[in-house]
Protein backbone atom coordinates (compact mmCIF):
# COMPACT_ATOMS: atom_id res chain seq x y z
CA UNK A 1 0.00 0.00 0.00
CA UNK A 2 2.92 2.37 0.60
CA UNK A 3 4.66 1.72 -2.71
CA UNK A 4 3.90 4.65 -5.04
CA UNK A 5 4.30 2.38 -8.08
CA UNK A 6 1.26 0.36 -6.95
CA UNK A 7 -2.04 2.08 -7.72
CA UNK A 8 -4.53 -0.65 -6.75
CA UNK A 9 -4.64 -4.07 -5.13
CA UNK A 10 -6.33 -7.27 -6.26
CA UNK A 11 -6.51 -9.81 -3.45
CA UNK A 12 -7.29 -13.48 -3.83
CA UNK A 13 -8.39 -15.78 -1.02
CA UNK A 14 -8.96 -19.51 -1.12
CA UNK A 15 -10.62 -21.00 1.95
CA UNK A 16 -8.27 -23.12 4.04
CA UNK A 17 -8.46 -24.72 7.47
CA UNK A 18 -5.55 -22.55 8.61
CA UNK A 19 -7.13 -19.17 7.78
CA UNK A 20 -10.94 -18.97 7.84
CA UNK A 21 -12.60 -16.38 5.58
CA UNK A 22 -13.48 -13.95 8.39
CA UNK A 23 -9.88 -13.92 9.63
CA UNK A 24 -8.80 -12.88 6.13
CA UNK A 25 -11.60 -10.30 5.91
CA UNK A 26 -10.93 -8.76 9.31
CA UNK A 27 -7.19 -8.48 8.69
CA UNK A 28 -7.71 -7.03 5.21
CA UNK A 29 -10.25 -4.47 6.45
CA UNK A 30 -8.00 -3.46 9.34
CA UNK A 31 -4.93 -2.92 7.13
CA UNK A 32 -6.91 -0.98 4.51
CA UNK A 33 -8.45 1.21 7.25
CA UNK A 34 -5.03 1.89 8.80
CA UNK A 35 -3.64 3.07 5.48
CA UNK A 36 -6.72 5.19 4.75
CA UNK A 37 -6.28 6.89 8.13
CA UNK A 38 -2.73 7.73 7.04
CA UNK A 39 -4.02 9.23 3.79
CA UNK A 40 -3.19 6.29 1.52
CA UNK A 41 -6.30 5.75 -0.63
CA UNK A 42 -6.02 3.00 -3.22
CA UNK A 43 -8.73 0.81 -4.71
CA UNK A 44 -8.75 -2.68 -3.21
CA UNK A 45 -10.81 -5.52 -4.67
CA UNK A 46 -10.97 -9.11 -3.48
CA UNK A 47 -12.01 -12.50 -4.75
CA UNK A 48 -12.89 -15.11 -2.14
CA UNK A 49 -13.28 -18.76 -3.07
CA UNK A 50 -14.52 -21.49 -0.77
CA UNK A 51 -17.73 -22.54 0.90
CA UNK A 52 -20.64 -20.34 1.98
CA UNK A 53 -18.54 -18.69 4.72
CA UNK A 54 -16.90 -16.53 2.05
CA UNK A 55 -20.24 -14.78 1.45
CA UNK A 56 -20.24 -13.35 4.99
CA UNK A 57 -16.59 -12.35 4.65
CA UNK A 58 -17.32 -10.55 1.36
CA UNK A 59 -20.19 -8.65 2.96
CA UNK A 60 -17.94 -7.66 5.86
CA UNK A 61 -15.29 -6.36 3.46
CA UNK A 62 -17.80 -4.54 1.27
CA UNK A 63 -19.22 -2.72 4.31
CA UNK A 64 -15.68 -1.50 5.03
CA UNK A 65 -14.91 -0.18 1.57
CA UNK A 66 -13.25 -3.22 0.01
CA UNK A 67 -15.11 -4.45 -3.06
CA UNK A 68 -15.27 -8.22 -2.59
CA UNK A 69 -17.02 -11.01 -4.47
CA UNK A 70 -17.49 -14.66 -3.55
CA UNK A 71 -16.95 -17.53 -5.99
CA UNK A 72 -15.48 -15.48 -8.82
CA UNK A 73 -12.10 -14.21 -9.86
CA UNK A 74 -13.23 -12.26 -12.91
CA UNK A 75 -15.77 -9.85 -11.39
CA UNK A 76 -13.47 -7.97 -8.96
CA UNK A 77 -10.90 -7.46 -11.71
CA UNK A 78 -13.61 -6.26 -14.12
CA UNK A 79 -14.85 -3.80 -11.47
CA UNK A 80 -11.34 -2.46 -10.96
CA UNK A 81 -10.94 -2.13 -14.73
CA UNK A 82 -14.21 -0.19 -14.98
CA UNK A 83 -13.10 2.14 -12.20
CA UNK A 84 -9.78 2.71 -13.97
CA UNK A 85 -11.49 3.45 -17.30
CA UNK A 86 -13.88 5.90 -15.59
CA UNK A 87 -11.02 7.68 -13.78
CA UNK A 88 -9.02 7.94 -16.98
CA UNK A 89 -11.95 9.36 -18.96
CA UNK A 90 -12.84 11.73 -16.09
CA UNK A 91 -9.30 13.10 -16.23
CA UNK A 92 -8.40 11.89 -12.74
CA UNK A 93 -5.48 9.85 -14.09
CA UNK A 94 -4.64 11.94 -17.10
CA UNK A 95 -4.55 10.72 -20.66
CA UNK A 96 -8.34 10.78 -21.11
CA UNK A 97 -9.88 11.42 -24.51
C-alpha atoms as a PDB file:
ATOM      1  CA  UNK A   1       0.000   0.000   0.000  1.00  0.00           C
ATOM      2  CA  UNK A   2       2.921   2.369   0.602  1.00  0.00           C
ATOM      3  CA  UNK A   3       4.664   1.721  -2.708  1.00  0.00           C
ATOM      4  CA  UNK A   4       3.895   4.651  -5.044  1.00  0.00           C
ATOM      5  CA  UNK A   5       4.299   2.376  -8.075  1.00  0.00           C
ATOM      6  CA  UNK A   6       1.265   0.361  -6.945  1.00  0.00           C
ATOM      7  CA  UNK A   7      -2.041   2.081  -7.716  1.00  0.00           C
ATOM      8  CA  UNK A   8      -4.527  -0.645  -6.752  1.00  0.00           C
ATOM      9  CA  UNK A   9      -4.641  -4.069  -5.130  1.00  0.00           C
ATOM     10  CA  UNK A  10      -6.326  -7.268  -6.261  1.00  0.00           C
ATOM     11  CA  UNK A  11      -6.506  -9.809  -3.451  1.00  0.00           C
ATOM     12  CA  UNK A  12      -7.291 -13.480  -3.832  1.00  0.00           C
ATOM     13  CA  UNK A  13      -8.387 -15.779  -1.023  1.00  0.00           C
ATOM     14  CA  UNK A  14      -8.955 -19.512  -1.115  1.00  0.00           C
ATOM     15  CA  UNK A  15     -10.615 -21.003   1.950  1.00  0.00           C
ATOM     16  CA  UNK A  16      -8.273 -23.123   4.037  1.00  0.00           C
ATOM     17  CA  UNK A  17      -8.458 -24.718   7.472  1.00  0.00           C
ATOM     18  CA  UNK A  18      -5.553 -22.548   8.613  1.00  0.00           C
ATOM     19  CA  UNK A  19      -7.128 -19.174   7.777  1.00  0.00           C
ATOM     20  CA  UNK A  20     -10.935 -18.967   7.839  1.00  0.00           C
ATOM     21  CA  UNK A  21     -12.597 -16.379   5.580  1.00  0.00           C
ATOM     22  CA  UNK A  22     -13.482 -13.948   8.385  1.00  0.00           C
ATOM     23  CA  UNK A  23      -9.884 -13.917   9.626  1.00  0.00           C
ATOM     24  CA  UNK A  24      -8.796 -12.879   6.131  1.00  0.00           C
ATOM     25  CA  UNK A  25     -11.601 -10.304   5.913  1.00  0.00           C
ATOM     26  CA  UNK A  26     -10.929  -8.756   9.313  1.00  0.00           C
ATOM     27  CA  UNK A  27      -7.188  -8.482   8.687  1.00  0.00           C
ATOM     28  CA  UNK A  28      -7.708  -7.030   5.211  1.00  0.00           C
ATOM     29  CA  UNK A  29     -10.246  -4.475   6.454  1.00  0.00           C
ATOM     30  CA  UNK A  30      -7.999  -3.461   9.335  1.00  0.00           C
ATOM     31  CA  UNK A  31      -4.932  -2.925   7.134  1.00  0.00           C
ATOM     32  CA  UNK A  32      -6.906  -0.976   4.515  1.00  0.00           C
ATOM     33  CA  UNK A  33      -8.448   1.208   7.248  1.00  0.00           C
ATOM     34  CA  UNK A  34      -5.035   1.886   8.803  1.00  0.00           C
ATOM     35  CA  UNK A  35      -3.640   3.068   5.476  1.00  0.00           C
ATOM     36  CA  UNK A  36      -6.716   5.189   4.746  1.00  0.00           C
ATOM     37  CA  UNK A  37      -6.285   6.888   8.125  1.00  0.00           C
ATOM     38  CA  UNK A  38      -2.731   7.732   7.043  1.00  0.00           C
ATOM     39  CA  UNK A  39      -4.020   9.227   3.791  1.00  0.00           C
ATOM     40  CA  UNK A  40      -3.193   6.290   1.517  1.00  0.00           C
ATOM     41  CA  UNK A  41      -6.302   5.752  -0.629  1.00  0.00           C
ATOM     42  CA  UNK A  42      -6.023   2.999  -3.216  1.00  0.00           C
ATOM     43  CA  UNK A  43      -8.730   0.808  -4.709  1.00  0.00           C
ATOM     44  CA  UNK A  44      -8.750  -2.678  -3.207  1.00  0.00           C
ATOM     45  CA  UNK A  45     -10.806  -5.524  -4.669  1.00  0.00           C
ATOM     46  CA  UNK A  46     -10.969  -9.106  -3.478  1.00  0.00           C
ATOM     47  CA  UNK A  47     -12.005 -12.499  -4.752  1.00  0.00           C
ATOM     48  CA  UNK A  48     -12.892 -15.114  -2.143  1.00  0.00           C
ATOM     49  CA  UNK A  49     -13.280 -18.765  -3.075  1.00  0.00           C
ATOM     50  CA  UNK A  50     -14.521 -21.494  -0.768  1.00  0.00           C
ATOM     51  CA  UNK A  51     -17.726 -22.543   0.899  1.00  0.00           C
ATOM     52  CA  UNK A  52     -20.643 -20.342   1.985  1.00  0.00           C
ATOM     53  CA  UNK A  53     -18.538 -18.686   4.716  1.00  0.00           C
ATOM     54  CA  UNK A  54     -16.902 -16.528   2.050  1.00  0.00           C
ATOM     55  CA  UNK A  55     -20.242 -14.784   1.451  1.00  0.00           C
ATOM     56  CA  UNK A  56     -20.244 -13.347   4.986  1.00  0.00           C
ATOM     57  CA  UNK A  57     -16.591 -12.352   4.653  1.00  0.00           C
ATOM     58  CA  UNK A  58     -17.322 -10.554   1.361  1.00  0.00           C
ATOM     59  CA  UNK A  59     -20.191  -8.648   2.956  1.00  0.00           C
ATOM     60  CA  UNK A  60     -17.937  -7.660   5.861  1.00  0.00           C
ATOM     61  CA  UNK A  61     -15.288  -6.362   3.460  1.00  0.00           C
ATOM     62  CA  UNK A  62     -17.800  -4.535   1.272  1.00  0.00           C
ATOM     63  CA  UNK A  63     -19.223  -2.718   4.308  1.00  0.00           C
ATOM     64  CA  UNK A  64     -15.684  -1.496   5.030  1.00  0.00           C
ATOM     65  CA  UNK A  65     -14.914  -0.178   1.567  1.00  0.00           C
ATOM     66  CA  UNK A  66     -13.249  -3.218   0.015  1.00  0.00           C
ATOM     67  CA  UNK A  67     -15.108  -4.451  -3.057  1.00  0.00           C
ATOM     68  CA  UNK A  68     -15.271  -8.217  -2.593  1.00  0.00           C
ATOM     69  CA  UNK A  69     -17.015 -11.011  -4.470  1.00  0.00           C
ATOM     70  CA  UNK A  70     -17.493 -14.659  -3.547  1.00  0.00           C
ATOM     71  CA  UNK A  71     -16.952 -17.533  -5.987  1.00  0.00           C
ATOM     72  CA  UNK A  72     -15.482 -15.477  -8.818  1.00  0.00           C
ATOM     73  CA  UNK A  73     -12.101 -14.209  -9.863  1.00  0.00           C
ATOM     74  CA  UNK A  74     -13.229 -12.257 -12.912  1.00  0.00           C
ATOM     75  CA  UNK A  75     -15.768  -9.847 -11.391  1.00  0.00           C
ATOM     76  CA  UNK A  76     -13.469  -7.969  -8.959  1.00  0.00           C
ATOM     77  CA  UNK A  77     -10.898  -7.458 -11.714  1.00  0.00           C
ATOM     78  CA  UNK A  78     -13.614  -6.264 -14.117  1.00  0.00           C
ATOM     79  CA  UNK A  79     -14.851  -3.797 -11.467  1.00  0.00           C
ATOM     80  CA  UNK A  80     -11.343  -2.458 -10.960  1.00  0.00           C
ATOM     81  CA  UNK A  81     -10.940  -2.134 -14.726  1.00  0.00           C
ATOM     82  CA  UNK A  82     -14.207  -0.187 -14.983  1.00  0.00           C
ATOM     83  CA  UNK A  83     -13.099   2.137 -12.196  1.00  0.00           C
ATOM     84  CA  UNK A  84      -9.784   2.712 -13.968  1.00  0.00           C
ATOM     85  CA  UNK A  85     -11.493   3.455 -17.298  1.00  0.00           C
ATOM     86  CA  UNK A  86     -13.877   5.896 -15.593  1.00  0.00           C
ATOM     87  CA  UNK A  87     -11.021   7.684 -13.776  1.00  0.00           C
ATOM     88  CA  UNK A  88      -9.021   7.937 -16.980  1.00  0.00           C
ATOM     89  CA  UNK A  89     -11.953   9.363 -18.955  1.00  0.00           C
ATOM     90  CA  UNK A  90     -12.838  11.734 -16.093  1.00  0.00           C
ATOM     91  CA  UNK A  91      -9.296  13.100 -16.228  1.00  0.00           C
ATOM     92  CA  UNK A  92      -8.398  11.892 -12.742  1.00  0.00           C
ATOM     93  CA  UNK A  93      -5.483   9.849 -14.087  1.00  0.00           C
ATOM     94  CA  UNK A  94      -4.638  11.939 -17.099  1.00  0.00           C
ATOM     95  CA  UNK A  95      -4.545  10.720 -20.655  1.00  0.00           C
ATOM     96  CA  UNK A  96      -8.341  10.778 -21.109  1.00  0.00           C
ATOM     97  CA  UNK A  97      -9.875  11.418 -24.507  1.00  0.00           C
END
